[in-house]
Amino acid sequence: MFPPPVSRESVVPDGANPLTRAYQDVIVYESADPDDVLYEGPIVVHANGWLELEGDRLLSPSAVHHIDIYDDEPDPAARTDERTDREDGGTGNGADGTDEYGF
């Protein structure tokens, strides 16, 4: 008649949780090297930084270098590892190819 005192299910539906973000098409990288892919597919990013993967698996934020999100791209074949949204054509601000932060 009453719910159990301890339950694995949330009392708040998933769509109502403002502290999570869901993405359908991402690539999670272990390092800056584009060959070090940890995971490809849908994820849920929780407020504490943990990533929820398919199959109710969790990935620690300390294991992740960066995430590329491709939810807005219509064609997965159009993916590129190079950033093209830079005003200087991707060469950096300095003559040596670095940006204002030295990268």
PDB file of N, CA and C in Angstrom:
ATOM      1  N   MET A   1       0.811  -1.172   0.000  1.00  0.00           N
ATOM      2  CA  MET A   1       0.000   0.000   0.000  1.00  0.00           C
ATOM      3  C   MET A   1       0.870   1.256   0.000  1.00  0.00           C
ATOM      4  N   PHE A   2       1.904   1.304   0.841  1.00  0.00           N
ATOM      5  CA  PHE A   2       2.818   2.425   0.853  1.00  0.00           C
ATOM      6  C   PHE A   2       4.092   2.027   0.109  1.00  0.00           C
ATOM      7  N   PRO A   3       4.760   3.006  -0.494  1.00  0.00           N
ATOM      8  CA  PRO A   3       6.022   2.680  -1.160  1.00  0.00           C
ATOM      9  C   PRO A   3       7.065   2.265  -0.134  1.00  0.00           C
ATOM     10  N   PRO A   4       8.056   1.508  -0.563  1.00  0.00           N
ATOM     11  CA  PRO A   4       9.107   1.111   0.370  1.00  0.00           C
ATOM     12  C   PRO A   4       9.866   2.340   0.864  1.00  0.00           C
ATOM     13  N   PRO A   5      10.430   2.284   2.076  1.00  0.00           N
ATOM     14  CA  PRO A   5      11.123   3.455   2.620  1.00  0.00           C
ATOM     15  C   PRO A   5      12.383   3.826   1.826  1.00  0.00           C
ATOM     16  N   VAL A   6      12.988   2.862   1.173  1.00  0.00           N
ATOM     17  CA  VAL A   6      14.165   3.123   0.351  1.00  0.00           C
ATOM     18  C   VAL A   6      13.880   2.593  -1.039  1.00  0.00           C
ATOM     19  N   SER A   7      14.073   3.438  -2.043  1.00  0.00           N
ATOM     20  CA  SER A   7      13.784   3.045  -3.417  1.00  0.00           C
ATOM     21  C   SER A   7      14.881   3.569  -4.324  1.00  0.00           C
ATOM     22  N   ARG A   8      15.125   2.863  -5.416  1.00  0.00           N
ATOM     23  CA  ARG A   8      16.117   3.298  -6.402  1.00  0.00           C
ATOM     24  C   ARG A   8      15.527   4.302  -7.384  1.00  0.00           C
ATOM     25  N   GLU A   9      14.228   4.419  -7.423  1.00  0.00           N
ATOM     26  CA  GLU A   9      13.563   5.308  -8.368  1.00  0.00           C
ATOM     27  C   GLU A   9      13.375   6.687  -7.754  1.00  0.00           C
ATOM     28  N   SER A  10      13.565   7.710  -8.571  1.00  0.00           N
ATOM     29  CA  SER A  10      13.420   9.080  -8.116  1.00  0.00           C
ATOM     30  C   SER A  10      11.949   9.457  -8.032  1.00  0.00           C
ATOM     31  N   VAL A  11      11.626  10.326  -7.099  1.00  0.00           N
ATOM     32  CA  VAL A  11      10.263  10.820  -7.003  1.00  0.00           C
ATOM     33  C   VAL A  11      10.017  11.920  -8.034  1.00  0.00           C
ATOM     34  N   VAL A  12      11.088  12.467  -8.602  1.00  0.00           N
ATOM     35  CA  VAL A  12      10.998  13.492  -9.632  1.00  0.00           C
ATOM     36  C   VAL A  12      11.238  12.833 -10.982  1.00  0.00           C
ATOM     37  N   PRO A  13      10.357  13.038 -11.976  1.00  0.00           N
ATOM     38  CA  PRO A  13      10.596  12.446 -13.286  1.00  0.00           C
ATOM     39  C   PRO A  13      11.866  13.006 -13.923  1.00  0.00           C
ATOM     40  N   ASP A  14      12.474  12.217 -14.817  1.00  0.00           N
ATOM     41  CA  ASP A  14      13.746  12.607 -15.435  1.00  0.00           C
ATOM     42  C   ASP A  14      13.659  13.932 -16.172  1.00  0.00           C
ATOM     43  N   GLY A  15      12.547  14.190 -16.833  1.00  0.00           N
ATOM     44  CA  GLY A  15      12.401  15.422 -17.598  1.00  0.00           C
ATOM     45  C   GLY A  15      12.292  16.660 -16.726  1.00  0.00           C
ATOM     46  N   ALA A  16      12.000  16.504 -15.457  1.00  0.00           N
ATOM     47  CA  ALA A  16      11.823  17.638 -14.559  1.00  0.00           C
ATOM     48  C   ALA A  16      13.076  17.972 -13.764  1.00  0.00           C
ATOM     49  N   ASN A  17      14.163  17.248 -13.947  1.00  0.00           N
ATOM     50  CA  ASN A  17      15.376  17.492 -13.177  1.00  0.00           C
ATOM     51  C   ASN A  17      16.210  18.571 -13.870  1.00  0.00           C
ATOM     52  N   PRO A  18      16.270  19.775 -13.297  1.00  0.00           N
ATOM     53  CA  PRO A  18      17.010  20.860 -13.948  1.00  0.00           C
ATOM     54  C   PRO A  18      18.519  20.746 -13.792  1.00  0.00           C
ATOM     55  N   LEU A  19      18.998  19.782 -13.017  1.00  0.00           N
ATOM     56  CA  LEU A  19      20.426  19.658 -12.749  1.00  0.00           C
ATOM     57  C   LEU A  19      21.128  18.656 -13.651  1.00  0.00           C
ATOM     58  N   THR A  20      20.444  18.142 -14.646  1.00  0.00           N
ATOM     59  CA  THR A  20      21.058  17.206 -15.582  1.00  0.00           C
ATOM     60  C   THR A  20      20.881  17.704 -17.005  1.00  0.00           C
ATOM     61  N   ARG A  21      21.778  17.284 -17.873  1.00  0.00           N
ATOM     62  CA  ARG A  21      21.699  17.587 -19.300  1.00  0.00           C
ATOM     63  C   ARG A  21      21.852  16.289 -20.062  1.00  0.00           C
ATOM     64  N   ALA A  22      20.979  16.055 -21.013  1.00  0.00           N
ATOM     65  CA  ALA A  22      21.048  14.846 -21.822  1.00  0.00           C
ATOM     66  C   ALA A  22      21.483  15.209 -23.238  1.00  0.00           C
ATOM     67  N   TYR A  23      22.382  14.398 -23.782  1.00  0.00           N
ATOM     68  CA  TYR A  23      22.861  14.567 -25.149  1.00  0.00           C
ATOM     69  C   TYR A  23      22.763  13.221 -25.851  1.00  0.00           C
ATOM     70  N   GLN A  24      22.388  13.241 -27.118  1.00  0.00           N
ATOM     71  CA  GLN A  24      22.166  12.006 -27.863  1.00  0.00           C
ATOM     72  C   GLN A  24      23.395  11.532 -28.635  1.00  0.00           C
ATOM     73  N   ASP A  25      24.209  12.458 -29.116  1.00  0.00           N
ATOM     74  CA  ASP A  25      25.322  12.090 -29.989  1.00  0.00           C
ATOM     75  C   ASP A  25      26.593  12.796 -29.525  1.00  0.00           C
ATOM     76  N   VAL A  26      27.404  12.094 -28.737  1.00  0.00           N
ATOM     77  CA  VAL A  26      28.636  12.681 -28.215  1.00  0.00           C
ATOM     78  C   VAL A  26      29.795  11.704 -28.369  1.00  0.00           C
ATOM     79  N   ILE A  27      30.995  12.263 -28.281  1.00  0.00           N
ATOM     80  CA  ILE A  27      32.213  11.462 -28.188  1.00  0.00           C
ATOM     81  C   ILE A  27      32.964  11.943 -26.954  1.00  0.00           C
ATOM     82  N   VAL A  28      33.294  11.024 -26.058  1.00  0.00           N
ATOM     83  CA  VAL A  28      34.010  11.335 -24.820  1.00  0.00           C
ATOM     84  C   VAL A  28      35.455  10.892 -24.998  1.00  0.00           C
ATOM     85  N   TYR A  29      36.395  11.804 -24.719  1.00  0.00           N
ATOM     86  CA  TYR A  29      37.816  11.526 -24.922  1.00  0.00           C
ATOM     87  C   TYR A  29      38.542  11.396 -23.586  1.00  0.00           C
ATOM     88  N   GLU A  30      39.527  10.500 -23.578  1.00  0.00           N
ATOM     89  CA  GLU A  30      40.353  10.279 -22.393  1.00  0.00           C
ATOM     90  C   GLU A  30      41.477  11.301 -22.287  1.00  0.00           C
ATOM     91  N   SER A  31      41.969  11.784 -23.434  1.00  0.00           N
ATOM     92  CA  SER A  31      43.047  12.771 -23.453  1.00  0.00           C
ATOM     93  C   SER A  31      42.840  13.696 -24.640  1.00  0.00           C
ATOM     94  N   ALA A  32      43.783  14.598 -24.858  1.00  0.00           N
ATOM     95  CA  ALA A  32      43.678  15.530 -25.975  1.00  0.00           C
ATOM     96  C   ALA A  32      43.848  14.837 -27.325  1.00  0.00           C
ATOM     97  N   ASP A  33      44.407  13.647 -27.324  1.00  0.00           N
ATOM     98  CA  ASP A  33      44.604  12.879 -28.547  1.00  0.00           C
ATOM     99  C   ASP A  33      43.255  12.409 -29.092  1.00  0.00           C
ATOM    100  N   PRO A  34      42.924  12.718 -30.343  1.00  0.00           N
ATOM    101  CA  PRO A  34      41.633  12.305 -30.892  1.00  0.00           C
ATOM    102  C   PRO A  34      41.461  10.791 -31.027  1.00  0.00           C
ATOM    103  N   ASP A  35      42.536  10.033 -30.846  1.00  0.00           N
ATOM    104  CA  ASP A  35      42.435   8.574 -30.919  1.00  0.00           C
ATOM    105  C   ASP A  35      42.067   7.937 -29.579  1.00  0.00           C
ATOM    106  N   ASP A  36      42.091   8.712 -28.496  1.00  0.00           N
ATOM    107  CA  ASP A  36      41.788   8.186 -27.160  1.00  0.00           C
ATOM    108  C   ASP A  36      40.310   8.356 -26.825  1.00  0.00           C
ATOM    109  N   VAL A  37      39.456   7.660 -27.571  1.00  0.00           N
ATOM    110  CA  VAL A  37      38.010   7.747 -27.365  1.00  0.00           C
ATOM    111  C   VAL A  37      37.604   6.782 -26.252  1.00  0.00           C
ATOM    112  N   LEU A  38      36.909   7.296 -25.243  1.00  0.00           N
ATOM    113  CA  LEU A  38      36.392   6.462 -24.167  1.00  0.00           C
ATOM    114  C   LEU A  38      35.005   5.918 -24.485  1.00  0.00           C
ATOM    115  N   TYR A  39      34.181   6.762 -25.156  1.00  0.00           N
ATOM    116  CA  TYR A  39      32.794   6.380 -25.354  1.00  0.00           C
ATOM    117  C   TYR A  39      32.192   7.202 -26.494  1.00  0.00           C
ATOM    118  N   GLU A  40      31.299   6.583 -27.250  1.00  0.00           N
ATOM    119  CA  GLU A  40      30.513   7.266 -28.271  1.00  0.00           C
ATOM    120  C   GLU A  40      29.063   6.885 -28.095  1.00  0.00           C
ATOM    121  N   GLY A  41      28.180   7.876 -28.099  1.00  0.00           N
ATOM    122  CA  GLY A  41      26.756   7.609 -27.978  1.00  0.00           C
ATOM    123  C   GLY A  41      26.073   8.614 -27.074  1.00  0.00           C
ATOM    124  N   PRO A  42      24.889   8.270 -26.560  1.00  0.00           N
ATOM    125  CA  PRO A  42      24.146   9.194 -25.705  1.00  0.00           C
ATOM    126  C   PRO A  42      24.684   9.199 -24.270  1.00  0.00           C
ATOM    127  N   ILE A  43      24.602  10.368 -23.623  1.00  0.00           N
ATOM    128  CA  ILE A  43      25.009  10.500 -22.224  1.00  0.00           C
ATOM    129  C   ILE A  43      24.042  11.420 -21.488  1.00  0.00           C
ATOM    130  N   VAL A  44      24.096  11.341 -20.182  1.00  0.00           N
ATOM    131  CA  VAL A  44      23.434  12.300 -19.306  1.00  0.00           C
ATOM    132  C   VAL A  44      24.529  12.858 -18.401  1.00  0.00           C
ATOM    133  N   VAL A  45      24.654  14.187 -18.365  1.00  0.00           N
ATOM    134  CA  VAL A  45      25.649  14.842 -17.526  1.00  0.00           C
ATOM    135  C   VAL A  45      24.941  15.312 -16.260  1.00  0.00           C
ATOM    136  N   HIS A  46      25.405  14.828 -15.121  1.00  0.00           N
ATOM    137  CA  HIS A  46      24.807  15.192 -13.845  1.00  0.00           C
ATOM    138  C   HIS A  46      25.494  16.428 -13.271  1.00  0.00           C
ATOM    139  N   ALA A  47      24.840  17.088 -12.334  1.00  0.00           N
ATOM    140  CA  ALA A  47      25.348  18.330 -11.754  1.00  0.00           C
ATOM    141  C   ALA A  47      26.700  18.146 -11.068  1.00  0.00           C
ATOM    142  N   ASN A  48      26.976  16.954 -10.567  1.00  0.00           N
ATOM    143  CA  ASN A  48      28.255  16.705  -9.901  1.00  0.00           C
ATOM    144  C   ASN A  48      29.369  16.350 -10.885  1.00  0.00           C
ATOM    145  N   GLY A  49      29.077  16.363 -12.193  1.00  0.00           N
ATOM    146  CA  GLY A  49      30.090  16.111 -13.211  1.00  0.00           C
ATOM    147  C   GLY A  49      30.147  14.693 -13.727  1.00  0.00           C
ATOM    148  N   TRP A  50      29.486  13.765 -13.055  1.00  0.00           N
ATOM    149  CA  TRP A  50      29.518  12.380 -13.494  1.00  0.00           C
ATOM    150  C   TRP A  50      28.699  12.229 -14.763  1.00  0.00           C
ATOM    151  N   LEU A  51      29.159  11.337 -15.643  1.00  0.00           N
ATOM    152  CA  LEU A  51      28.468  11.053 -16.896  1.00  0.00           C
ATOM    153  C   LEU A  51      27.753   9.720 -16.771  1.00  0.00           C
ATOM    154  N   GLU A  52      26.486   9.700 -17.131  1.00  0.00           N
ATOM    155  CA  GLU A  52      25.726   8.458 -17.140  1.00  0.00           C
ATOM    156  C   GLU A  52      25.672   7.963 -18.572  1.00  0.00           C
ATOM    157  N   LEU A  53      26.173   6.750 -18.788  1.00  0.00           N
ATOM    158  CA  LEU A  53      26.228   6.150 -20.112  1.00  0.00           C
ATOM    159  C   LEU A  53      25.098   5.145 -20.270  1.00  0.00           C
ATOM    160  N   GLU A  54      25.007   4.587 -21.460  1.00  0.00           N
ATOM    161  CA  GLU A  54      24.010   3.540 -21.692  1.00  0.00           C
ATOM    162  C   GLU A  54      24.264   2.379 -20.746  1.00  0.00           C
ATOM    163  N   GLY A  55      23.211   1.681 -20.386  1.00  0.00           N
ATOM    164  CA  GLY A  55      23.349   0.530 -19.516  1.00  0.00           C
ATOM    165  C   GLY A  55      23.548   0.895 -18.057  1.00  0.00           C
ATOM    166  N   ASP A  56      23.142   2.099 -17.672  1.00  0.00           N
ATOM    167  CA  ASP A  56      23.270   2.571 -16.297  1.00  0.00           C
ATOM    168  C   ASP A  56      24.712   2.526 -15.787  1.00  0.00           C
ATOM    169  N   ARG A  57      25.661   2.788 -16.683  1.00  0.00           N
ATOM    170  CA  ARG A  57      27.066   2.881 -16.282  1.00  0.00           C
ATOM    171  C   ARG A  57      27.404   4.337 -16.009  1.00  0.00           C
ATOM    172  N   LEU A  58      28.338   4.583 -15.112  1.00  0.00           N
ATOM    173  CA  LEU A  58      28.776   5.928 -14.778  1.00  0.00           C
ATOM    174  C   LEU A  58      30.244   6.105 -15.123  1.00  0.00           C
ATOM    175  N   LEU A  59      30.596   7.311 -15.530  1.00  0.00           N
ATOM    176  CA  LEU A  59      31.976   7.642 -15.863  1.00  0.00           C
ATOM    177  C   LEU A  59      32.382   8.853 -15.026  1.00  0.00           C
ATOM    178  N   SER A  60      33.477   8.711 -14.305  1.00  0.00           N
ATOM    179  CA  SER A  60      33.962   9.756 -13.420  1.00  0.00           C
ATOM    180  C   SER A  60      34.428  10.974 -14.206  1.00  0.00           C
ATOM    181  N   PRO A  61      34.190  12.175 -13.690  1.00  0.00           N
ATOM    182  CA  PRO A  61      34.684  13.369 -14.373  1.00  0.00           C
ATOM    183  C   PRO A  61      36.208  13.422 -14.436  1.00  0.00           C
ATOM    184  N   SER A  62      36.893  12.763 -13.520  1.00  0.00           N
ATOM    185  CA  SER A  62      38.355  12.770 -13.549  1.00  0.00           C
ATOM    186  C   SER A  62      38.914  11.892 -14.666  1.00  0.00           C
ATOM    187  N   ALA A  63      38.090  11.028 -15.252  1.00  0.00           N
ATOM    188  CA  ALA A  63      38.536  10.158 -16.336  1.00  0.00           C
ATOM    189  C   ALA A  63      38.361  10.803 -17.711  1.00  0.00           C
ATOM    190  N   VAL A  64      37.699  11.944 -17.754  1.00  0.00           N
ATOM    191  CA  VAL A  64      37.338  12.575 -19.024  1.00  0.00           C
ATOM    192  C   VAL A  64      38.197  13.796 -19.270  1.00  0.00           C
ATOM    193  N   HIS A  65      38.778  13.877 -20.481  1.00  0.00           N
ATOM    194  CA  HIS A  65      39.520  15.077 -20.865  1.00  0.00           C
ATOM    195  C   HIS A  65      38.578  16.106 -21.461  1.00  0.00           C
ATOM    196  N   HIS A  66      37.790  15.693 -22.466  1.00  0.00           N
ATOM    197  CA  HIS A  66      36.801  16.588 -23.059  1.00  0.00           C
ATOM    198  C   HIS A  66      35.730  15.786 -23.767  1.00  0.00           C
ATOM    199  N   ILE A  67      34.648  16.468 -24.123  1.00  0.00           N
ATOM    200  CA  ILE A  67      33.506  15.851 -24.792  1.00  0.00           C
ATOM    201  C   ILE A  67      33.166  16.685 -26.016  1.00  0.00           C
ATOM    202  N   ASP A  68      33.014  16.036 -27.152  1.00  0.00           N
ATOM    203  CA  ASP A  68      32.506  16.690 -28.354  1.00  0.00           C
ATOM    204  C   ASP A  68      31.038  16.337 -28.491  1.00  0.00           C
ATOM    205  N   ILE A  69      30.187  17.354 -28.627  1.00  0.00           N
ATOM    206  CA  ILE A  69      28.740  17.156 -28.731  1.00  0.00           C
ATOM    207  C   ILE A  69      28.326  17.426 -30.168  1.00  0.00           C
ATOM    208  N   TYR A  70      27.638  16.461 -30.783  1.00  0.00           N
ATOM    209  CA  TYR A  70      27.227  16.567 -32.172  1.00  0.00           C
ATOM    210  C   TYR A  70      25.707  16.525 -32.328  1.00  0.00           C
ATOM    211  N   ASP A  71      24.956  16.917 -31.315  1.00  0.00           N
ATOM    212  CA  ASP A  71      23.498  16.862 -31.382  1.00  0.00           C
ATOM    213  C   ASP A  71      22.927  17.752 -32.477  1.00  0.00           C
ATOM    214  N   ASP A  72      23.581  18.868 -32.775  1.00  0.00           N
ATOM    215  CA  ASP A  72      23.056  19.810 -33.758  1.00  0.00           C
ATOM    216  C   ASP A  72      23.489  19.516 -35.188  1.00  0.00           C
ATOM    217  N   GLU A  73      24.387  18.587 -35.381  1.00  0.00           N
ATOM    218  CA  GLU A  73      24.856  18.270 -36.729  1.00  0.00           C
ATOM    219  C   GLU A  73      23.959  17.231 -37.374  1.00  0.00           C
ATOM    220  N   PRO A  74      23.455  17.516 -38.574  1.00  0.00           N
ATOM    221  CA  PRO A  74      22.543  16.567 -39.222  1.00  0.00           C
ATOM    222  C   PRO A  74      23.228  15.316 -39.745  1.00  0.00           C
ATOM    223  N   ASP A  75      24.506  15.399 -40.100  1.00  0.00           N
ATOM    224  CA  ASP A  75      25.202  14.267 -40.707  1.00  0.00           C
ATOM    225  C   ASP A  75      26.424  13.898 -39.873  1.00  0.00           C
ATOM    226  N   PRO A  76      26.445  12.691 -39.255  1.00  0.00           N
ATOM    227  CA  PRO A  76      27.615  12.298 -38.459  1.00  0.00           C
ATOM    228  C   PRO A  76      28.901  12.239 -39.275  1.00  0.00           C
ATOM    229  N   ALA A  77      28.802  12.067 -40.590  1.00  0.00           N
ATOM    230  CA  ALA A  77      30.000  12.023 -41.434  1.00  0.00           C
ATOM    231  C   ALA A  77      30.640  13.395 -41.562  1.00  0.00           C
ATOM    232  N   ALA A  78      29.912  14.454 -41.184  1.00  0.00           N
ATOM    233  CA  ALA A  78      30.439  15.806 -41.298  1.00  0.00           C
ATOM    234  C   ALA A  78      31.321  16.186 -40.114  1.00  0.00           C
ATOM    235  N   ARG A  79      31.553  15.268 -39.197  1.00  0.00           N
ATOM    236  CA  ARG A  79      32.377  15.557 -38.023  1.00  0.00           C
ATOM    237  C   ARG A  79      33.804  15.863 -38.429  1.00  0.00           C
ATOM    238  N   THR A  80      34.406  16.775 -37.680  1.00  0.00           N
ATOM    239  CA  THR A  80      35.798  17.102 -37.908  1.00  0.00           C
ATOM    240  C   THR A  80      36.481  17.278 -36.565  1.00  0.00           C
ATOM    241  N   ASP A  81      37.744  16.947 -36.487  1.00  0.00           N
ATOM    242  CA  ASP A  81      38.496  17.112 -35.254  1.00  0.00           C
ATOM    243  C   ASP A  81      39.062  18.520 -35.126  1.00  0.00           C
ATOM    244  N   GLU A  82      39.021  19.292 -36.214  1.00  0.00           N
ATOM    245  CA  GLU A  82      39.588  20.620 -36.207  1.00  0.00           C
ATOM    246  C   GLU A  82      38.505  21.650 -35.975  1.00  0.00           C
ATOM    247  N   ARG A  83      38.798  22.621 -35.134  1.00  0.00           N
ATOM    248  CA  ARG A  83      37.839  23.699 -34.899  1.00  0.00           C
ATOM    249  C   ARG A  83      37.895  24.668 -36.060  1.00  0.00           C
ATOM    250  N   THR A  84      36.737  24.992 -36.619  1.00  0.00           N
ATOM    251  CA  THR A  84      36.680  25.930 -37.732  1.00  0.00           C
ATOM    252  C   THR A  84      35.939  27.194 -37.362  1.00  0.00           C
ATOM    253  N   ASP A  85      35.539  27.347 -36.107  1.00  0.00           N
ATOM    254  CA  ASP A  85      34.771  28.510 -35.694  1.00  0.00           C
ATOM    255  C   ASP A  85      35.653  29.663 -35.209  1.00  0.00           C
ATOM    256  N   ARG A  86      36.933  29.564 -35.422  1.00  0.00           N
ATOM    257  CA  ARG A  86      37.837  30.608 -34.976  1.00  0.00           C
ATOM    258  C   ARG A  86      37.928  31.690 -36.037  1.00  0.00           C
ATOM    259  N   GLU A  87      38.029  32.946 -35.595  1.00  0.00           N
ATOM    260  CA  GLU A  87      38.081  34.071 -36.519  1.00  0.00           C
ATOM    261  C   GLU A  87      39.356  34.101 -37.341  1.00  0.00           C
ATOM    262  N   ASP A  88      40.425  33.537 -36.813  1.00  0.00           N
ATOM    263  CA  ASP A  88      41.708  33.596 -37.515  1.00  0.00           C
ATOM    264  C   ASP A  88      41.950  32.373 -38.384  1.00  0.00           C
ATOM    265  N   GLY A  89      40.905  31.599 -38.636  1.00  0.00           N
ATOM    266  CA  GLY A  89      41.048  30.429 -39.485  1.00  0.00           C
ATOM    267  C   GLY A  89      41.647  29.235 -38.791  1.00  0.00           C
ATOM    268  N   GLY A  90      41.751  29.276 -37.468  1.00  0.00           N
ATOM    269  CA  GLY A  90      42.262  28.137 -36.724  1.00  0.00           C
ATOM    270  C   GLY A  90      43.761  28.136 -36.526  1.00  0.00           C
ATOM    271  N   THR A  91      44.432  29.227 -36.913  1.00  0.00           N
ATOM    272  CA  THR A  91      45.884  29.254 -36.769  1.00  0.00           C
ATOM    273  C   THR A  91      46.321  29.820 -35.440  1.00  0.00           C
ATOM    274  N   GLY A  92      45.403  30.399 -34.663  1.00  0.00           N
ATOM    275  CA  GLY A  92      45.777  31.004 -33.395  1.00  0.00           C
ATOM    276  C   GLY A  92      46.008  32.484 -33.557  1.00  0.00           C
ATOM    277  N   ASN A  93      46.155  33.187 -32.459  1.00  0.00           N
ATOM    278  CA  ASN A  93      46.343  34.633 -32.501  1.00  0.00           C
ATOM    279  C   ASN A  93      47.797  35.020 -32.710  1.00  0.00           C
ATOM    280  N   GLY A  94      48.699  34.251 -32.184  1.00  0.00           N
ATOM    281  CA  GLY A  94      50.115  34.584 -32.272  1.00  0.00           C
ATOM    282  C   GLY A  94      50.743  34.053 -33.545  1.00  0.00           C
ATOM    283  N   ALA A  95      51.936  34.574 -33.832  1.00  0.00           N
ATOM    284  CA  ALA A  95      52.654  34.125 -35.022  1.00  0.00           C
ATOM    285  C   ALA A  95      53.066  32.663 -34.897  1.00  0.00           C
ATOM    286  N   ASP A  96      53.182  32.171 -33.657  1.00  0.00           N
ATOM    287  CA  ASP A  96      53.578  30.777 -33.463  1.00  0.00           C
ATOM    288  C   ASP A  96      52.378  29.833 -33.449  1.00  0.00           C
ATOM    289  N   GLY A  97      51.159  30.354 -33.713  1.00  0.00           N
ATOM    290  CA  GLY A  97      49.986  29.482 -33.796  1.00  0.00           C
ATOM    291  C   GLY A  97      49.274  29.280 -32.472  1.00  0.00           C
ATOM    292  N   THR A  98      49.661  30.020 -31.419  1.00  0.00           N
ATOM    293  CA  THR A  98      48.992  29.850 -30.137  1.00  0.00           C
ATOM    294  C   THR A  98      47.887  30.883 -30.000  1.00  0.00           C
ATOM    295  N   ASP A  99      46.914  30.604 -29.160  1.00  0.00           N
ATOM    296  CA  ASP A  99      45.870  31.572 -28.894  1.00  0.00           C
ATOM    297  C   ASP A  99      46.283  32.459 -27.721  1.00  0.00           C
ATOM    298  N   GLU A 100      45.346  33.296 -27.226  1.00  0.00           N
ATOM    299  CA  GLU A 100      45.716  34.218 -26.158  1.00  0.00           C
ATOM    300  C   GLU A 100      46.047  33.527 -24.844  1.00  0.00           C
ATOM    301  N   TYR A 101      45.745  32.239 -24.727  1.00  0.00           N
ATOM    302  CA  TYR A 101      46.049  31.473 -23.505  1.00  0.00           C
ATOM    303  C   TYR A 101      47.315  30.621 -23.653  1.00  0.00           C
ATOM    304  N   GLY A 102      47.959  30.701 -24.799  1.00  0.00           N
ATOM    305  CA  GLY A 102      49.199  29.955 -25.006  1.00  0.00           C
ATOM    306  C   GLY A 102      49.012  28.552 -25.536  1.00  0.00           C
ATOM    307  N   PHE A 103      47.811  28.235 -26.003  1.00  0.00           N
ATOM    308  CA  PHE A 103      47.541  26.901 -26.547  1.00  0.00           C
ATOM    309  C   PHE A 103      47.468  26.914 -28.048  1.00  0.00           C
TER     310      PHE A 103
END
